[in-house]
Amino acid sequence: MEYTSHNSEETKKIASDTALDLVARNAGEPIVVALEGELGAGKTTFVQAFCTALGVAEGVKSPTFLLMKQYELSGVLNYTKLYHLDCYRLNNSTELRQIGIDEILKTSGNIVLIEWADRVAEILPTNNITVHMDHITEHERNIKIDVV
């Protein structure tokens, strides 16, 4: 699917719809969303709306220096945990492996959102969902979502 978002509200709607669709279609199987795009393209905005759609109440911020943040999900059929990773400062997946990413990625009931996923592509499962975002103008974005 490919979308043109004219503002952050449209980006949030696309993210929210994507979250609800993925949860409905995957029945508890792990969901891995690999977000790619330039700095400022809207990856964090997408993640925030995705999380809100699934009931994450606390404010979602990009865990650039923490690397990973975990959220408990309640009321989301077949899913209990959502992990948000920001790999901007990584050059490879070594640090992720040290915190148990391989197990997280394959555990049923987990949703994993990875910003700057292209930096750790070697750890991504082959059935991940790729969200690529590009600037068109200051406010407009091209959002391409590849669902396997």
Protein backbone atom coordinates (compact mmCIF):
# COMPACT_ATOMS: atom_id res chain seq x y z
CA MET A 1 0.00 0.00 0.00
CA GLU A 2 1.19 3.49 -0.75
CA TYR A 3 -0.20 6.67 0.73
CA THR A 4 0.36 10.39 0.47
CA SER A 5 -0.06 12.05 3.84
CA HIS A 6 -0.69 15.77 3.72
CA ASN A 7 -0.15 16.38 7.43
CA SER A 8 0.62 14.64 10.72
CA GLU A 9 -3.07 13.93 11.37
CA GLU A 10 -3.28 11.90 8.16
CA THR A 11 -0.07 10.08 9.09
CA LYS A 12 -1.59 9.24 12.47
CA LYS A 13 -4.75 7.90 10.82
CA ILE A 14 -2.70 5.69 8.49
CA ALA A 15 -0.71 4.37 11.46
CA SER A 16 -3.82 3.74 13.55
CA ASP A 17 -5.57 1.88 10.73
CA THR A 18 -2.41 -0.15 10.09
CA ALA A 19 -2.15 -1.15 13.77
CA LEU A 20 -5.75 -2.30 14.00
CA ASP A 21 -5.53 -4.19 10.71
CA LEU A 22 -2.31 -6.01 11.66
CA VAL A 23 -3.63 -7.08 15.06
CA ALA A 24 -6.86 -8.35 13.50
CA ARG A 25 -5.06 -10.31 10.77
CA ASN A 26 -2.19 -11.85 12.72
CA ALA A 27 -4.05 -13.57 15.58
CA GLY A 28 -1.25 -13.38 18.13
CA GLU A 29 1.64 -14.19 15.82
CA PRO A 30 4.55 -11.81 16.39
CA ILE A 31 4.26 -8.56 14.46
CA VAL A 32 7.48 -6.77 13.50
CA VAL A 33 7.19 -3.35 11.89
CA ALA A 34 10.41 -2.02 10.37
CA LEU A 35 10.28 1.77 9.98
CA GLU A 36 12.65 3.43 7.52
CA GLY A 37 13.10 6.96 6.24
CA GLU A 38 15.03 10.16 6.60
CA LEU A 39 15.39 12.08 9.83
CA GLY A 40 12.15 13.96 10.43
CA ALA A 41 10.10 11.88 7.98
CA GLY A 42 7.52 11.00 10.63
CA LYS A 43 8.58 7.60 11.95
CA THR A 44 8.02 8.56 15.59
CA THR A 45 4.65 10.17 14.78
CA PHE A 46 3.66 6.90 13.08
CA VAL A 47 4.79 4.86 16.11
CA GLN A 48 2.96 7.12 18.56
CA ALA A 49 -0.35 6.78 16.69
CA PHE A 50 0.17 3.03 16.25
CA CYS A 51 0.63 2.68 20.01
CA THR A 52 -2.32 4.91 20.85
CA ALA A 53 -4.58 2.83 18.58
CA LEU A 54 -3.63 -0.24 20.64
CA GLY A 55 -4.38 1.46 23.95
CA VAL A 56 -0.93 2.51 25.12
CA ALA A 57 -1.90 5.31 27.50
CA GLU A 58 1.49 6.68 28.45
CA GLY A 59 3.25 9.17 26.21
CA VAL A 60 5.38 7.38 23.65
CA LYS A 61 8.74 8.98 22.94
CA SER A 62 11.50 7.65 20.77
CA PRO A 63 13.92 5.64 22.95
CA THR A 64 17.03 6.86 21.14
CA PHE A 65 19.28 6.62 24.21
CA LEU A 66 17.39 3.84 25.98
CA LEU A 67 17.33 1.79 22.77
CA MET A 68 14.14 -0.07 23.70
CA LYS A 69 10.94 0.66 25.59
CA GLN A 70 8.36 -1.98 26.51
CA TYR A 71 4.62 -1.36 26.94
CA GLU A 72 2.04 -3.74 28.37
CA LEU A 73 -1.07 -4.14 26.23
CA SER A 74 -4.48 -4.88 27.66
CA GLY A 75 -7.64 -5.21 25.68
CA VAL A 76 -5.78 -6.13 22.49
CA LEU A 77 -6.90 -9.60 21.46
CA ASN A 78 -3.96 -12.05 21.42
CA TYR A 79 -1.29 -9.40 22.13
CA THR A 80 0.26 -8.53 25.50
CA LYS A 81 3.48 -6.59 24.83
CA LEU A 82 4.59 -3.87 22.48
CA TYR A 83 8.28 -3.05 22.10
CA HIS A 84 9.50 0.22 20.57
CA LEU A 85 13.12 0.36 19.45
CA ASP A 86 15.10 3.25 18.02
CA CYS A 87 18.24 2.03 16.27
CA TYR A 88 19.44 5.45 15.09
CA ARG A 89 22.70 5.29 17.01
CA LEU A 90 23.47 1.64 16.14
CA ASN A 91 25.70 0.43 13.36
CA ASN A 92 24.65 -3.22 13.63
CA SER A 93 22.50 -5.57 15.71
CA THR A 94 25.14 -6.64 18.28
CA GLU A 95 23.72 -4.47 21.07
CA LEU A 96 20.20 -5.71 20.31
CA ARG A 97 21.27 -9.31 20.54
CA GLN A 98 22.71 -8.61 23.99
CA ILE A 99 19.27 -7.51 25.22
CA GLY A 100 17.49 -10.57 23.83
CA ILE A 101 15.98 -9.23 20.62
CA ASP A 102 15.99 -12.62 18.89
CA GLU A 103 13.57 -14.04 21.48
CA ILE A 104 11.42 -10.88 21.50
CA LEU A 105 11.00 -11.00 17.72
CA LYS A 106 9.69 -14.56 17.69
CA THR A 107 7.48 -14.60 20.80
CA SER A 108 3.74 -14.88 20.18
CA GLY A 109 1.77 -11.96 21.55
CA ASN A 110 4.56 -9.46 20.86
CA ILE A 111 4.44 -6.42 18.61
CA VAL A 112 7.82 -4.85 17.80
CA LEU A 113 8.19 -1.43 16.19
CA ILE A 114 11.73 -0.63 15.05
CA GLU A 115 12.72 2.87 13.96
CA TRP A 116 15.81 3.00 11.73
CA ALA A 117 15.34 -0.70 11.05
CA ASP A 118 17.63 -0.57 8.01
CA ARG A 119 20.56 -0.30 10.46
CA VAL A 120 19.77 -3.74 11.91
CA ALA A 121 18.27 -5.42 8.85
CA GLU A 122 20.14 -8.67 9.49
CA ILE A 123 18.00 -9.45 12.57
CA LEU A 124 14.62 -8.78 10.98
CA PRO A 125 12.38 -11.75 10.29
CA THR A 126 11.53 -12.31 6.63
CA ASN A 127 7.84 -11.70 7.31
CA ASN A 128 8.24 -8.20 8.78
CA ILE A 129 6.11 -5.24 7.75
CA THR A 130 8.16 -2.43 6.24
CA VAL A 131 7.00 1.17 6.54
CA HIS A 132 9.11 3.51 4.42
CA MET A 133 8.51 7.24 4.78
CA ASP A 134 9.85 10.01 2.54
CA HIS A 135 9.49 13.78 2.56
CA ILE A 136 7.50 15.24 -0.33
CA THR A 137 7.19 18.75 1.07
CA GLU A 138 7.56 20.25 4.53
CA HIS A 139 4.27 18.68 5.66
CA GLU A 140 3.57 15.99 3.05
CA ARG A 141 4.95 12.46 3.24
CA ASN A 142 4.95 9.44 0.99
CA ILE A 143 4.26 6.36 3.12
CA LYS A 144 4.79 2.93 1.61
CA ILE A 145 3.70 -0.06 3.67
CA ASP A 146 4.80 -3.52 2.52
CA VAL A 147 2.94 -6.26 4.36
CA VAL A 148 4.20 -9.79 3.74
